[in-house]
Amino acid sequence: MAKATTTAVTATSTPTSAVSGFDPEEVRKVVARLRRAQGQIDGVVRMIEEGRDCKDIVTQVSAASKALDRAGFAIVSQAMGQCLAQSLTDEEREQNLAALERLFLSLA
């Protein structure tokens, strides 16, 4: 089942602004980070299956975790910019920013 998911992710063509209102270049960078993390996670699984040294495995897990965090932060950052750029009422802006703050903190 994991293989089907991996194939679906890597089979996608060059991303455009698939995320509504996001800068296509930022979407490309986020997708690249996620693909890098995906490769690192695949490597961690292989390392565990091969019985590699614990220190090496933890180093790779840490690298994958950081890549995922950075992708999440980039997504939230784009959403914050989009939210602030929209002409919303003050109440809507506050609600959107509160929701984005919860998303941001969920990454911590």
N, C-alpha and C. Protein backbone atom coordinates (compact mmCIF):
# COMPACT_ATOMS: atom_id res chain seq x y z
N MET A 1 0.82 -1.18 0.00
CA MET A 1 0.00 0.00 0.00
C MET A 1 0.86 1.25 0.00
N ALA A 2 1.95 1.25 0.74
CA ALA A 2 2.85 2.41 0.77
C ALA A 2 3.47 2.65 -0.59
N LYS A 3 3.73 1.57 -1.33
CA LYS A 3 4.31 1.71 -2.66
C LYS A 3 3.36 2.46 -3.59
N ALA A 4 2.05 2.18 -3.51
CA ALA A 4 1.08 2.86 -4.36
C ALA A 4 1.06 4.35 -4.06
N THR A 5 1.16 4.71 -2.79
CA THR A 5 1.18 6.12 -2.41
C THR A 5 2.44 6.78 -2.94
N THR A 6 3.58 6.10 -2.80
CA THR A 6 4.84 6.63 -3.28
C THR A 6 4.78 6.85 -4.79
N THR A 7 4.25 5.89 -5.51
CA THR A 7 4.14 6.02 -6.95
C THR A 7 3.26 7.20 -7.33
N ALA A 8 2.15 7.37 -6.63
CA ALA A 8 1.23 8.45 -6.94
C ALA A 8 1.89 9.81 -6.72
N VAL A 9 2.71 9.93 -5.69
CA VAL A 9 3.35 11.21 -5.40
C VAL A 9 4.43 11.50 -6.42
N THR A 10 5.26 10.53 -6.73
CA THR A 10 6.37 10.78 -7.64
C THR A 10 5.92 10.83 -9.09
N ALA A 11 4.75 10.30 -9.40
CA ALA A 11 4.27 10.29 -10.77
C ALA A 11 3.68 11.63 -11.18
N THR A 12 3.41 12.51 -10.23
CA THR A 12 2.83 13.79 -10.59
C THR A 12 3.82 14.61 -11.38
N SER A 13 3.29 15.40 -12.29
CA SER A 13 4.15 16.24 -13.11
C SER A 13 4.59 17.45 -12.29
N THR A 14 5.32 18.33 -12.91
CA THR A 14 5.79 19.52 -12.23
C THR A 14 4.60 20.26 -11.64
N PRO A 15 4.65 20.54 -10.33
CA PRO A 15 3.51 21.18 -9.69
C PRO A 15 3.33 22.62 -10.15
N THR A 16 2.09 23.02 -10.21
CA THR A 16 1.78 24.42 -10.45
C THR A 16 1.13 24.93 -9.19
N SER A 17 0.34 25.95 -9.29
CA SER A 17 -0.30 26.48 -8.09
C SER A 17 -1.48 25.60 -7.72
N ALA A 18 -1.17 24.32 -7.44
CA ALA A 18 -2.19 23.35 -7.07
C ALA A 18 -2.87 23.75 -5.77
N VAL A 19 -2.14 24.45 -4.92
CA VAL A 19 -2.72 24.95 -3.69
C VAL A 19 -3.24 26.34 -4.02
N SER A 20 -4.53 26.50 -3.91
CA SER A 20 -5.20 27.72 -4.33
C SER A 20 -4.52 28.99 -3.84
N GLY A 21 -4.10 29.83 -4.78
CA GLY A 21 -3.53 31.12 -4.44
C GLY A 21 -2.06 31.11 -4.07
N PHE A 22 -1.42 29.96 -4.04
CA PHE A 22 -0.02 29.89 -3.65
C PHE A 22 0.87 30.18 -4.85
N ASP A 23 2.01 30.75 -4.58
CA ASP A 23 3.01 31.04 -5.60
C ASP A 23 3.51 29.72 -6.18
N PRO A 24 3.44 29.54 -7.50
CA PRO A 24 3.87 28.28 -8.11
C PRO A 24 5.31 27.90 -7.78
N GLU A 25 6.19 28.88 -7.65
CA GLU A 25 7.58 28.59 -7.30
C GLU A 25 7.68 28.04 -5.88
N GLU A 26 6.88 28.58 -4.97
CA GLU A 26 6.87 28.08 -3.59
C GLU A 26 6.28 26.68 -3.53
N VAL A 27 5.26 26.42 -4.33
CA VAL A 27 4.68 25.07 -4.39
C VAL A 27 5.74 24.09 -4.87
N ARG A 28 6.50 24.48 -5.90
CA ARG A 28 7.56 23.62 -6.42
C ARG A 28 8.59 23.31 -5.33
N LYS A 29 8.98 24.33 -4.55
CA LYS A 29 9.96 24.13 -3.49
C LYS A 29 9.43 23.21 -2.39
N VAL A 30 8.17 23.38 -2.02
CA VAL A 30 7.57 22.54 -0.97
C VAL A 30 7.52 21.09 -1.45
N VAL A 31 7.09 20.89 -2.69
CA VAL A 31 7.01 19.54 -3.23
C VAL A 31 8.40 18.90 -3.27
N ALA A 32 9.41 19.69 -3.64
CA ALA A 32 10.79 19.17 -3.65
C ALA A 32 11.22 18.75 -2.25
N ARG A 33 10.89 19.57 -1.24
CA ARG A 33 11.23 19.21 0.15
C ARG A 33 10.54 17.92 0.56
N LEU A 34 9.27 17.81 0.20
CA LEU A 34 8.51 16.61 0.58
C LEU A 34 9.06 15.37 -0.12
N ARG A 35 9.45 15.52 -1.36
CA ARG A 35 10.04 14.37 -2.08
C ARG A 35 11.38 13.98 -1.46
N ARG A 36 12.16 14.98 -1.04
CA ARG A 36 13.44 14.70 -0.38
C ARG A 36 13.18 13.95 0.92
N ALA A 37 12.20 14.42 1.69
CA ALA A 37 11.86 13.74 2.96
C ALA A 37 11.38 12.33 2.69
N GLN A 38 10.60 12.16 1.63
CA GLN A 38 10.10 10.84 1.28
C GLN A 38 11.27 9.89 0.98
N GLY A 39 12.27 10.39 0.26
CA GLY A 39 13.46 9.58 -0.02
C GLY A 39 14.23 9.25 1.24
N GLN A 40 14.31 10.24 2.15
CA GLN A 40 15.00 9.99 3.41
C GLN A 40 14.27 8.95 4.24
N ILE A 41 12.97 9.00 4.26
CA ILE A 41 12.19 8.02 5.02
C ILE A 41 12.34 6.63 4.41
N ASP A 42 12.33 6.55 3.08
CA ASP A 42 12.57 5.27 2.42
C ASP A 42 13.95 4.73 2.82
N GLY A 43 14.93 5.64 2.89
CA GLY A 43 16.28 5.24 3.30
C GLY A 43 16.31 4.75 4.74
N VAL A 44 15.55 5.39 5.62
CA VAL A 44 15.49 4.96 7.03
C VAL A 44 14.92 3.55 7.12
N VAL A 45 13.88 3.29 6.36
CA VAL A 45 13.27 1.94 6.37
C VAL A 45 14.30 0.91 5.92
N ARG A 46 15.04 1.21 4.85
CA ARG A 46 16.07 0.28 4.37
C ARG A 46 17.15 0.08 5.43
N MET A 47 17.55 1.18 6.07
CA MET A 47 18.60 1.08 7.09
C MET A 47 18.16 0.19 8.25
N ILE A 48 16.91 0.33 8.65
CA ILE A 48 16.39 -0.51 9.75
C ILE A 48 16.35 -1.96 9.31
N GLU A 49 15.85 -2.20 8.09
CA GLU A 49 15.77 -3.57 7.59
C GLU A 49 17.15 -4.21 7.46
N GLU A 50 18.16 -3.40 7.17
CA GLU A 50 19.53 -3.91 7.02
C GLU A 50 20.26 -3.99 8.35
N GLY A 51 19.64 -3.51 9.43
CA GLY A 51 20.26 -3.57 10.74
C GLY A 51 21.40 -2.58 10.92
N ARG A 52 21.30 -1.43 10.28
CA ARG A 52 22.34 -0.41 10.36
C ARG A 52 22.45 0.18 11.75
N ASP A 53 23.51 0.90 11.98
CA ASP A 53 23.81 1.52 13.27
C ASP A 53 22.71 2.51 13.67
N CYS A 54 22.34 2.45 14.95
CA CYS A 54 21.28 3.29 15.50
C CYS A 54 21.57 4.77 15.28
N LYS A 55 22.81 5.19 15.47
CA LYS A 55 23.17 6.60 15.31
C LYS A 55 22.89 7.08 13.88
N ASP A 56 23.24 6.26 12.90
CA ASP A 56 22.99 6.62 11.50
C ASP A 56 21.49 6.72 11.21
N ILE A 57 20.73 5.80 11.78
CA ILE A 57 19.28 5.81 11.57
C ILE A 57 18.67 7.07 12.17
N VAL A 58 19.05 7.38 13.40
CA VAL A 58 18.49 8.57 14.06
C VAL A 58 18.88 9.84 13.31
N THR A 59 20.07 9.89 12.77
CA THR A 59 20.51 11.05 11.98
C THR A 59 19.59 11.24 10.77
N GLN A 60 19.27 10.14 10.09
CA GLN A 60 18.39 10.23 8.93
C GLN A 60 16.95 10.58 9.32
N VAL A 61 16.48 10.04 10.43
CA VAL A 61 15.13 10.38 10.91
C VAL A 61 15.07 11.87 11.22
N SER A 62 16.11 12.40 11.84
CA SER A 62 16.17 13.82 12.16
C SER A 62 16.15 14.67 10.89
N ALA A 63 16.88 14.26 9.89
CA ALA A 63 16.91 15.00 8.62
C ALA A 63 15.53 15.00 7.96
N ALA A 64 14.88 13.85 7.96
CA ALA A 64 13.53 13.76 7.37
C ALA A 64 12.55 14.62 8.15
N SER A 65 12.66 14.60 9.46
CA SER A 65 11.78 15.41 10.30
C SER A 65 11.95 16.89 10.01
N LYS A 66 13.19 17.34 9.88
CA LYS A 66 13.45 18.75 9.58
C LYS A 66 12.90 19.13 8.21
N ALA A 67 13.04 18.24 7.24
CA ALA A 67 12.50 18.53 5.90
C ALA A 67 10.99 18.67 5.95
N LEU A 68 10.32 17.80 6.70
CA LEU A 68 8.87 17.89 6.84
C LEU A 68 8.47 19.17 7.57
N ASP A 69 9.20 19.51 8.62
CA ASP A 69 8.92 20.75 9.35
C ASP A 69 9.04 21.97 8.44
N ARG A 70 10.10 22.01 7.67
CA ARG A 70 10.31 23.16 6.78
C ARG A 70 9.22 23.25 5.72
N ALA A 71 8.78 22.11 5.22
CA ALA A 71 7.68 22.12 4.25
C ALA A 71 6.41 22.65 4.91
N GLY A 72 6.14 22.19 6.11
CA GLY A 72 4.96 22.67 6.84
C GLY A 72 5.02 24.16 7.11
N PHE A 73 6.19 24.64 7.54
CA PHE A 73 6.34 26.08 7.80
C PHE A 73 6.16 26.89 6.51
N ALA A 74 6.67 26.38 5.41
CA ALA A 74 6.52 27.09 4.14
C ALA A 74 5.05 27.17 3.73
N ILE A 75 4.31 26.09 3.95
CA ILE A 75 2.88 26.09 3.61
C ILE A 75 2.14 27.09 4.48
N VAL A 76 2.40 27.07 5.78
CA VAL A 76 1.73 28.01 6.69
C VAL A 76 2.12 29.45 6.33
N SER A 77 3.38 29.67 6.01
CA SER A 77 3.83 31.01 5.65
C SER A 77 3.10 31.53 4.42
N GLN A 78 2.97 30.68 3.41
CA GLN A 78 2.24 31.07 2.20
C GLN A 78 0.78 31.38 2.53
N ALA A 79 0.19 30.56 3.38
CA ALA A 79 -1.21 30.77 3.75
C ALA A 79 -1.37 32.08 4.52
N MET A 80 -0.41 32.41 5.37
CA MET A 80 -0.47 33.67 6.12
C MET A 80 -0.40 34.86 5.16
N GLY A 81 0.50 34.79 4.22
CA GLY A 81 0.61 35.87 3.24
C GLY A 81 -0.64 36.03 2.43
N GLN A 82 -1.21 34.91 2.02
CA GLN A 82 -2.44 34.92 1.24
C GLN A 82 -3.58 35.51 2.07
N CYS A 83 -3.66 35.11 3.32
CA CYS A 83 -4.71 35.59 4.22
C CYS A 83 -4.63 37.10 4.40
N LEU A 84 -3.42 37.59 4.62
CA LEU A 84 -3.23 39.02 4.86
C LEU A 84 -3.47 39.84 3.60
N ALA A 85 -3.21 39.24 2.44
CA ALA A 85 -3.38 39.96 1.18
C ALA A 85 -4.85 40.08 0.77
N GLN A 86 -5.67 39.18 1.26
CA GLN A 86 -7.08 39.20 0.89
C GLN A 86 -7.79 40.34 1.60
N SER A 87 -8.75 40.91 0.92
CA SER A 87 -9.51 41.99 1.55
C SER A 87 -10.68 41.38 2.33
N LEU A 88 -10.42 41.09 3.58
CA LEU A 88 -11.42 40.48 4.46
C LEU A 88 -11.86 41.51 5.48
N THR A 89 -12.93 41.21 6.13
CA THR A 89 -13.32 42.03 7.26
C THR A 89 -12.33 41.77 8.38
N ASP A 90 -12.27 42.66 9.34
CA ASP A 90 -11.35 42.47 10.47
C ASP A 90 -11.64 41.17 11.21
N GLU A 91 -12.93 40.85 11.37
CA GLU A 91 -13.31 39.63 12.09
C GLU A 91 -12.84 38.39 11.34
N GLU A 92 -13.04 38.37 10.01
CA GLU A 92 -12.60 37.23 9.20
C GLU A 92 -11.08 37.09 9.24
N ARG A 93 -10.39 38.22 9.16
CA ARG A 93 -8.92 38.20 9.20
C ARG A 93 -8.45 37.62 10.54
N GLU A 94 -9.05 38.05 11.62
CA GLU A 94 -8.67 37.54 12.94
C GLU A 94 -8.93 36.05 13.05
N GLN A 95 -10.06 35.58 12.53
CA GLN A 95 -10.38 34.15 12.58
C GLN A 95 -9.38 33.36 11.75
N ASN A 96 -9.06 33.85 10.56
CA ASN A 96 -8.11 33.16 9.70
C ASN A 96 -6.72 33.13 10.33
N LEU A 97 -6.30 34.25 10.90
CA LEU A 97 -4.99 34.28 11.54
C LEU A 97 -4.94 33.36 12.75
N ALA A 98 -6.02 33.28 13.50
CA ALA A 98 -6.06 32.37 14.65
C ALA A 98 -5.94 30.92 14.18
N ALA A 99 -6.62 30.59 13.10
CA ALA A 99 -6.53 29.23 12.55
C ALA A 99 -5.12 28.94 12.06
N LEU A 100 -4.50 29.92 11.40
CA LEU A 100 -3.13 29.74 10.92
C LEU A 100 -2.15 29.62 12.08
N GLU A 101 -2.40 30.35 13.15
CA GLU A 101 -1.54 30.25 14.31
C GLU A 101 -1.62 28.84 14.90
N ARG A 102 -2.82 28.27 14.95
CA ARG A 102 -2.95 26.89 15.45
C ARG A 102 -2.20 25.93 14.55
N LEU A 103 -2.30 26.13 13.24
CA LEU A 103 -1.55 25.27 12.30
C LEU A 103 -0.04 25.40 12.54
N PHE A 104 0.41 26.62 12.69
CA PHE A 104 1.83 26.88 12.90
C PHE A 104 2.30 26.19 14.19
N LEU A 105 1.54 26.34 15.24
CA LEU A 105 1.92 25.74 16.52
C LEU A 105 1.84 24.23 16.49
N SER A 106 1.00 23.68 15.64
CA SER A 106 0.92 22.22 15.54
C SER A 106 2.22 21.62 14.99
N LEU A 107 3.00 22.46 14.32
CA LEU A 107 4.29 22.01 13.79
C LEU A 107 5.40 22.02 14.84
N ALA A 108 5.16 22.71 15.93
CA ALA A 108 6.19 22.84 16.97
C ALA A 108 6.31 21.58 17.80
